[in-house]
C-alpha atoms as a PDB file:
ATOM      1  CA  UNK A   1     -53.072 -55.250 -10.285  1.00  0.00           C
ATOM      2  CA  UNK A   2     -50.684 -55.527 -13.182  1.00  0.00           C
ATOM      3  CA  UNK A   3     -51.093 -52.109 -14.780  1.00  0.00           C
ATOM      4  CA  UNK A   4     -50.492 -53.714 -18.164  1.00  0.00           C
ATOM      5  CA  UNK A   5     -52.388 -52.567 -21.231  1.00  0.00           C
ATOM      6  CA  UNK A   6     -55.365 -54.412 -22.581  1.00  0.00           C
ATOM      7  CA  UNK A   7     -55.167 -56.036 -25.992  1.00  0.00           C
ATOM      8  CA  UNK A   8     -57.622 -54.572 -28.504  1.00  0.00           C
ATOM      9  CA  UNK A   9     -58.854 -57.362 -30.771  1.00  0.00           C
ATOM     10  CA  UNK A  10     -61.234 -55.229 -32.777  1.00  0.00           C
ATOM     11  CA  UNK A  11     -62.625 -51.749 -32.915  1.00  0.00           C
ATOM     12  CA  UNK A  12     -65.346 -49.930 -34.795  1.00  0.00           C
ATOM     13  CA  UNK A  13     -66.685 -46.394 -34.875  1.00  0.00           C
ATOM     14  CA  UNK A  14     -70.278 -46.229 -33.589  1.00  0.00           C
ATOM     15  CA  UNK A  15     -70.653 -42.459 -34.099  1.00  0.00           C
ATOM     16  CA  UNK A  16     -68.372 -39.768 -35.463  1.00  0.00           C
ATOM     17  CA  UNK A  17     -68.885 -36.059 -36.064  1.00  0.00           C
ATOM     18  CA  UNK A  18     -66.706 -32.995 -35.603  1.00  0.00           C
ATOM     19  CA  UNK A  19     -67.277 -32.763 -31.832  1.00  0.00           C
ATOM     20  CA  UNK A  20     -67.709 -36.310 -30.616  1.00  0.00           C
ATOM     21  CA  UNK A  21     -66.885 -39.865 -31.481  1.00  0.00           C
ATOM     22  CA  UNK A  22     -68.017 -43.091 -29.882  1.00  0.00           C
ATOM     23  CA  UNK A  23     -65.776 -46.080 -30.458  1.00  0.00           C
ATOM     24  CA  UNK A  24     -66.502 -49.674 -29.445  1.00  0.00           C
ATOM     25  CA  UNK A  25     -63.378 -51.721 -28.691  1.00  0.00           C
ATOM     26  CA  UNK A  26     -63.283 -55.463 -28.122  1.00  0.00           C
ATOM     27  CA  UNK A  27     -60.616 -55.906 -25.441  1.00  0.00           C
ATOM     28  CA  UNK A  28     -58.879 -58.663 -23.526  1.00  0.00           C
ATOM     29  CA  UNK A  29     -57.319 -57.872 -20.148  1.00  0.00           C
ATOM     30  CA  UNK A  30     -53.854 -59.260 -19.232  1.00  0.00           C
ATOM     31  CA  UNK A  31     -55.613 -61.939 -17.157  1.00  0.00           C
ATOM     32  CA  UNK A  32     -57.610 -63.071 -20.187  1.00  0.00           C
ATOM     33  CA  UNK A  33     -60.968 -61.532 -19.307  1.00  0.00           C
ATOM     34  CA  UNK A  34     -62.888 -60.337 -22.397  1.00  0.00           C
ATOM     35  CA  UNK A  35     -64.395 -56.841 -22.174  1.00  0.00           C
ATOM     36  CA  UNK A  36     -66.472 -56.337 -25.300  1.00  0.00           C
ATOM     37  CA  UNK A  37     -67.645 -53.876 -26.200  1.00  0.00           C
ATOM     38  CA  UNK A  38     -65.753 -51.248 -24.222  1.00  0.00           C
ATOM     39  CA  UNK A  39     -67.033 -47.829 -25.234  1.00  0.00           C
ATOM     40  CA  UNK A  40     -64.591 -44.951 -25.604  1.00  0.00           C
ATOM     41  CA  UNK A  41     -65.729 -41.339 -26.036  1.00  0.00           C
ATOM     42  CA  UNK A  42     -63.492 -39.419 -28.396  1.00  0.00           C
ATOM     43  CA  UNK A  43     -63.336 -35.632 -28.430  1.00  0.00           C
ATOM     44  CA  UNK A  44     -60.709 -33.130 -29.497  1.00  0.00           C
ATOM     45  CA  UNK A  45     -58.114 -31.980 -26.984  1.00  0.00           C
ATOM     46  CA  UNK A  46     -58.954 -28.652 -25.371  1.00  0.00           C
ATOM     47  CA  UNK A  47     -57.053 -25.725 -23.921  1.00  0.00           C
ATOM     48  CA  UNK A  48     -58.398 -23.943 -20.832  1.00  0.00           C
ATOM     49  CA  UNK A  49     -57.029 -20.560 -19.767  1.00  0.00           C
ATOM     50  CA  UNK A  50     -56.493 -19.390 -16.222  1.00  0.00           C
ATOM     51  CA  UNK A  51     -56.185 -15.708 -17.091  1.00  0.00           C
ATOM     52  CA  UNK A  52     -55.194 -13.366 -14.274  1.00  0.00           C
ATOM     53  CA  UNK A  53     -55.347  -9.600 -14.806  1.00  0.00           C
ATOM     54  CA  UNK A  54     -53.240  -6.821 -13.264  1.00  0.00           C
ATOM     55  CA  UNK A  55     -55.714  -6.448 -10.351  1.00  0.00           C
ATOM     56  CA  UNK A  56     -55.341 -10.166  -9.520  1.00  0.00           C
ATOM     57  CA  UNK A  57     -58.787 -11.072 -10.853  1.00  0.00           C
ATOM     58  CA  UNK A  58     -59.408 -14.341 -12.674  1.00  0.00           C
ATOM     59  CA  UNK A  59     -61.240 -14.041 -15.977  1.00  0.00           C
ATOM     60  CA  UNK A  60     -64.113 -16.528 -16.200  1.00  0.00           C
ATOM     61  CA  UNK A  61     -67.019 -17.018 -18.577  1.00  0.00           C
ATOM     62  CA  UNK A  62     -70.619 -17.900 -17.790  1.00  0.00           C
ATOM     63  CA  UNK A  63     -72.302 -20.217 -20.326  1.00  0.00           C
ATOM     64  CA  UNK A  64     -75.666 -21.881 -20.510  1.00  0.00           C
ATOM     65  CA  UNK A  65     -74.873 -25.607 -20.697  1.00  0.00           C
ATOM     66  CA  UNK A  66     -77.698 -27.647 -22.171  1.00  0.00           C
ATOM     67  CA  UNK A  67     -76.787 -31.068 -20.677  1.00  0.00           C
ATOM     68  CA  UNK A  68     -76.561 -29.454 -17.237  1.00  0.00           C
ATOM     69  CA  UNK A  69     -79.710 -27.414 -17.832  1.00  0.00           C
ATOM     70  CA  UNK A  70     -78.319 -24.208 -16.400  1.00  0.00           C
ATOM     71  CA  UNK A  71     -75.543 -21.680 -16.203  1.00  0.00           C
ATOM     72  CA  UNK A  72     -71.968 -22.778 -15.656  1.00  0.00           C
ATOM     73  CA  UNK A  73     -69.094 -20.542 -14.558  1.00  0.00           C
ATOM     74  CA  UNK A  74     -65.964 -21.761 -16.347  1.00  0.00           C
ATOM     75  CA  UNK A  75     -62.472 -21.019 -17.512  1.00  0.00           C
ATOM     76  CA  UNK A  76     -62.343 -19.653 -21.057  1.00  0.00           C
ATOM     77  CA  UNK A  77     -61.149 -22.209 -23.556  1.00  0.00           C
ATOM     78  CA  UNK A  78     -62.031 -24.650 -26.239  1.00  0.00           C
ATOM     79  CA  UNK A  79     -60.914 -27.075 -28.884  1.00  0.00           C
ATOM     80  CA  UNK A  80     -57.332 -27.039 -30.085  1.00  0.00           C
ATOM     81  CA  UNK A  81     -57.742 -26.528 -33.820  1.00  0.00           C
ATOM     82  CA  UNK A  82     -55.524 -28.138 -36.450  1.00  0.00           C
ATOM     83  CA  UNK A  83     -54.428 -24.627 -37.431  1.00  0.00           C
ATOM     84  CA  UNK A  84     -53.179 -23.812 -33.912  1.00  0.00           C
ATOM     85  CA  UNK A  85     -49.378 -23.934 -33.693  1.00  0.00           C
ATOM     86  CA  UNK A  86     -49.487 -25.490 -30.214  1.00  0.00           C
ATOM     87  CA  UNK A  87     -51.489 -25.607 -26.969  1.00  0.00           C
ATOM     88  CA  UNK A  88     -50.447 -22.095 -25.918  1.00  0.00           C
ATOM     89  CA  UNK A  89     -51.443 -20.670 -29.306  1.00  0.00           C
ATOM     90  CA  UNK A  90     -54.856 -22.323 -28.966  1.00  0.00           C
ATOM     91  CA  UNK A  91     -55.241 -20.908 -25.453  1.00  0.00           C
ATOM     92  CA  UNK A  92     -54.348 -17.402 -26.635  1.00  0.00           C
ATOM     93  CA  UNK A  93     -56.862 -17.665 -29.501  1.00  0.00           C
ATOM     94  CA  UNK A  94     -59.655 -18.980 -27.287  1.00  0.00           C
ATOM     95  CA  UNK A  95     -59.050 -16.319 -24.609  1.00  0.00           C
ATOM     96  CA  UNK A  96     -59.196 -13.538 -27.185  1.00  0.00           C
ATOM     97  CA  UNK A  97     -62.299 -14.937 -28.925  1.00  0.00           C
ATOM     98  CA  UNK A  98     -64.326 -15.616 -25.784  1.00  0.00           C
ATOM     99  CA  UNK A  99     -63.305 -12.685 -23.588  1.00  0.00           C
ATOM    100  CA  UNK A 100     -61.483 -10.024 -25.592  1.00  0.00           C
ATOM    101  CA  UNK A 101     -58.463 -10.405 -23.303  1.00  0.00           C
ATOM    102  CA  UNK A 102     -54.952 -10.937 -24.661  1.00  0.00           C
ATOM    103  CA  UNK A 103     -52.496 -13.310 -22.976  1.00  0.00           C
ATOM    104  CA  UNK A 104     -48.933 -12.535 -21.918  1.00  0.00           C
ATOM    105  CA  UNK A 105     -46.445 -14.824 -20.205  1.00  0.00           C
ATOM    106  CA  UNK A 106     -48.574 -17.869 -21.006  1.00  0.00           C
ATOM    107  CA  UNK A 107     -47.396 -21.255 -19.746  1.00  0.00           C
ATOM    108  CA  UNK A 108     -48.792 -24.771 -19.679  1.00  0.00           C
ATOM    109  CA  UNK A 109     -49.445 -25.722 -16.049  1.00  0.00           C
ATOM    110  CA  UNK A 110     -50.855 -29.238 -16.338  1.00  0.00           C
ATOM    111  CA  UNK A 111     -52.427 -31.690 -18.768  1.00  0.00           C
ATOM    112  CA  UNK A 112     -55.202 -33.926 -17.453  1.00  0.00           C
ATOM    113  CA  UNK A 113     -57.920 -36.265 -18.656  1.00  0.00           C
ATOM    114  CA  UNK A 114     -61.419 -35.548 -17.323  1.00  0.00           C
ATOM    115  CA  UNK A 115     -62.341 -39.239 -16.992  1.00  0.00           C
ATOM    116  CA  UNK A 116     -59.765 -41.755 -18.256  1.00  0.00           C
ATOM    117  CA  UNK A 117     -62.295 -44.576 -17.958  1.00  0.00           C
ATOM    118  CA  UNK A 118     -64.427 -43.016 -20.699  1.00  0.00           C
ATOM    119  CA  UNK A 119     -62.675 -40.162 -22.538  1.00  0.00           C
ATOM    120  CA  UNK A 120     -59.692 -40.317 -24.873  1.00  0.00           C
ATOM    121  CA  UNK A 121     -58.985 -36.570 -25.014  1.00  0.00           C
ATOM    122  CA  UNK A 122     -56.794 -34.334 -22.890  1.00  0.00           C
ATOM    123  CA  UNK A 123     -57.388 -30.971 -21.243  1.00  0.00           C
ATOM    124  CA  UNK A 124     -54.473 -28.554 -21.035  1.00  0.00           C
ATOM    125  CA  UNK A 125     -54.407 -25.730 -18.501  1.00  0.00           C
ATOM    126  CA  UNK A 126     -52.574 -22.601 -19.606  1.00  0.00           C
ATOM    127  CA  UNK A 127     -51.985 -19.863 -17.049  1.00  0.00           C
ATOM    128  CA  UNK A 128     -51.369 -16.327 -18.307  1.00  0.00           C
ATOM    129  CA  UNK A 129     -51.287 -12.716 -17.296  1.00  0.00           C
ATOM    130  CA  UNK A 130     -53.997 -11.009 -19.322  1.00  0.00           C
ATOM    131  CA  UNK A 131     -55.053  -7.526 -20.327  1.00  0.00           C
ATOM    132  CA  UNK A 132     -58.140  -6.218 -22.075  1.00  0.00           C
ATOM    133  CA  UNK A 133     -57.438  -5.968 -25.789  1.00  0.00           C
ATOM    134  CA  UNK A 134     -60.778  -5.493 -27.500  1.00  0.00           C
ATOM    135  CA  UNK A 135     -64.233  -6.931 -27.850  1.00  0.00           C
ATOM    136  CA  UNK A 136     -64.918 -10.624 -27.420  1.00  0.00           C
ATOM    137  CA  UNK A 137     -65.820 -12.457 -30.619  1.00  0.00           C
ATOM    138  CA  UNK A 138     -67.256 -15.814 -29.545  1.00  0.00           C
ATOM    139  CA  UNK A 139     -68.329 -18.337 -32.142  1.00  0.00           C
ATOM    140  CA  UNK A 140     -72.001 -18.436 -33.174  1.00  0.00           C
ATOM    141  CA  UNK A 141     -73.909 -20.398 -30.559  1.00  0.00           C
ATOM    142  CA  UNK A 142     -71.556 -19.347 -27.762  1.00  0.00           C
ATOM    143  CA  UNK A 143     -73.755 -17.060 -25.712  1.00  0.00           C
ATOM    144  CA  UNK A 144     -71.538 -16.171 -22.788  1.00  0.00           C
ATOM    145  CA  UNK A 145     -70.773 -13.449 -20.280  1.00  0.00           C
ATOM    146  CA  UNK A 146     -67.266 -12.482 -19.192  1.00  0.00           C
ATOM    147  CA  UNK A 147     -66.868 -12.352 -15.405  1.00  0.00           C
ATOM    148  CA  UNK A 148     -63.874 -10.924 -13.487  1.00  0.00           C
ATOM    149  CA  UNK A 149     -63.548 -12.580 -10.090  1.00  0.00           C
ATOM    150  CA  UNK A 150     -60.979 -11.815  -7.363  1.00  0.00           C
ATOM    151  CA  UNK A 151     -58.502 -14.669  -6.840  1.00  0.00           C
ATOM    152  CA  UNK A 152     -59.720 -15.525  -3.305  1.00  0.00           C
ATOM    153  CA  UNK A 153     -63.347 -15.561  -4.467  1.00  0.00           C
ATOM    154  CA  UNK A 154     -62.434 -17.786  -7.427  1.00  0.00           C
ATOM    155  CA  UNK A 155     -60.867 -20.286  -5.020  1.00  0.00           C
ATOM    156  CA  UNK A 156     -63.972 -20.161  -2.820  1.00  0.00           C
ATOM    157  CA  UNK A 157     -66.236 -20.763  -5.843  1.00  0.00           C
ATOM    158  CA  UNK A 158     -64.126 -23.728  -6.969  1.00  0.00           C
ATOM    159  CA  UNK A 159     -64.081 -25.290  -3.487  1.00  0.00           C
ATOM    160  CA  UNK A 160     -67.779 -24.715  -2.769  1.00  0.00           C
ATOM    161  CA  UNK A 161     -69.254 -26.353  -5.853  1.00  0.00           C
ATOM    162  CA  UNK A 162     -70.426 -23.039  -7.305  1.00  0.00           C
ATOM    163  CA  UNK A 163     -68.202 -23.871 -10.274  1.00  0.00           C
ATOM    164  CA  UNK A 164     -70.147 -26.965 -11.263  1.00  0.00           C
ATOM    165  CA  UNK A 165     -67.754 -28.346 -13.878  1.00  0.00           C
ATOM    166  CA  UNK A 166     -65.426 -30.665 -11.976  1.00  0.00           C
ATOM    167  CA  UNK A 167     -62.652 -30.277 -14.539  1.00  0.00           C
ATOM    168  CA  UNK A 168     -62.874 -26.479 -14.366  1.00  0.00           C
ATOM    169  CA  UNK A 169     -62.872 -26.474 -10.553  1.00  0.00           C
ATOM    170  CA  UNK A 170     -59.873 -28.809 -10.484  1.00  0.00           C
ATOM    171  CA  UNK A 171     -57.964 -26.753 -13.040  1.00  0.00           C
ATOM    172  CA  UNK A 172     -58.617 -23.569 -11.059  1.00  0.00           C
ATOM    173  CA  UNK A 173     -57.422 -25.167  -7.827  1.00  0.00           C
ATOM    174  CA  UNK A 174     -54.292 -26.536  -9.505  1.00  0.00           C
ATOM    175  CA  UNK A 175     -53.574 -23.347 -11.400  1.00  0.00           C
ATOM    176  CA  UNK A 176     -53.949 -21.056  -8.418  1.00  0.00           C
ATOM    177  CA  UNK A 177     -52.201 -23.363  -5.952  1.00  0.00           C
ATOM    178  CA  UNK A 178     -48.830 -22.762  -7.549  1.00  0.00           C
ATOM    179  CA  UNK A 179     -49.379 -19.293  -9.033  1.00  0.00           C
ATOM    180  CA  UNK A 180     -47.182 -16.481  -7.835  1.00  0.00           C
END
């Protein structure tokens, strides 16, 4: 295995809207093998927030997720907007919008890619101490419930599969594994 990059000989956009893009690349591997088309899913980078309150509860949100066909317990978060100063600013905004909690002492813990074989975007985990600051103001179409879960229970949910989003479970496990 060489680990060298593929050469892209051509590329075209199959689909593009504000949430998702599908790009078809015509590639050649370092050994000369042609892989065409190779489909790449494009989506904006997102910030996820591991918010921990003064009672050592993790703040989660419960959404209905149409592709999954059911409820999903997740970390608050969303798309990093062009108007956001940086990842932490996006995380603070998303936390406030979705939960009504304000972030203090926010720090980036890790940046991952959910599936590097298919997706071109990154997911940033921001861990923060949080406090209630007012009502949640989710975007239209975001019908969610805010759920406070004790740290140990959050770990159990992530390990057991009760948190069905693999990226969310992984981010919780990473974020809590090195949290003070």
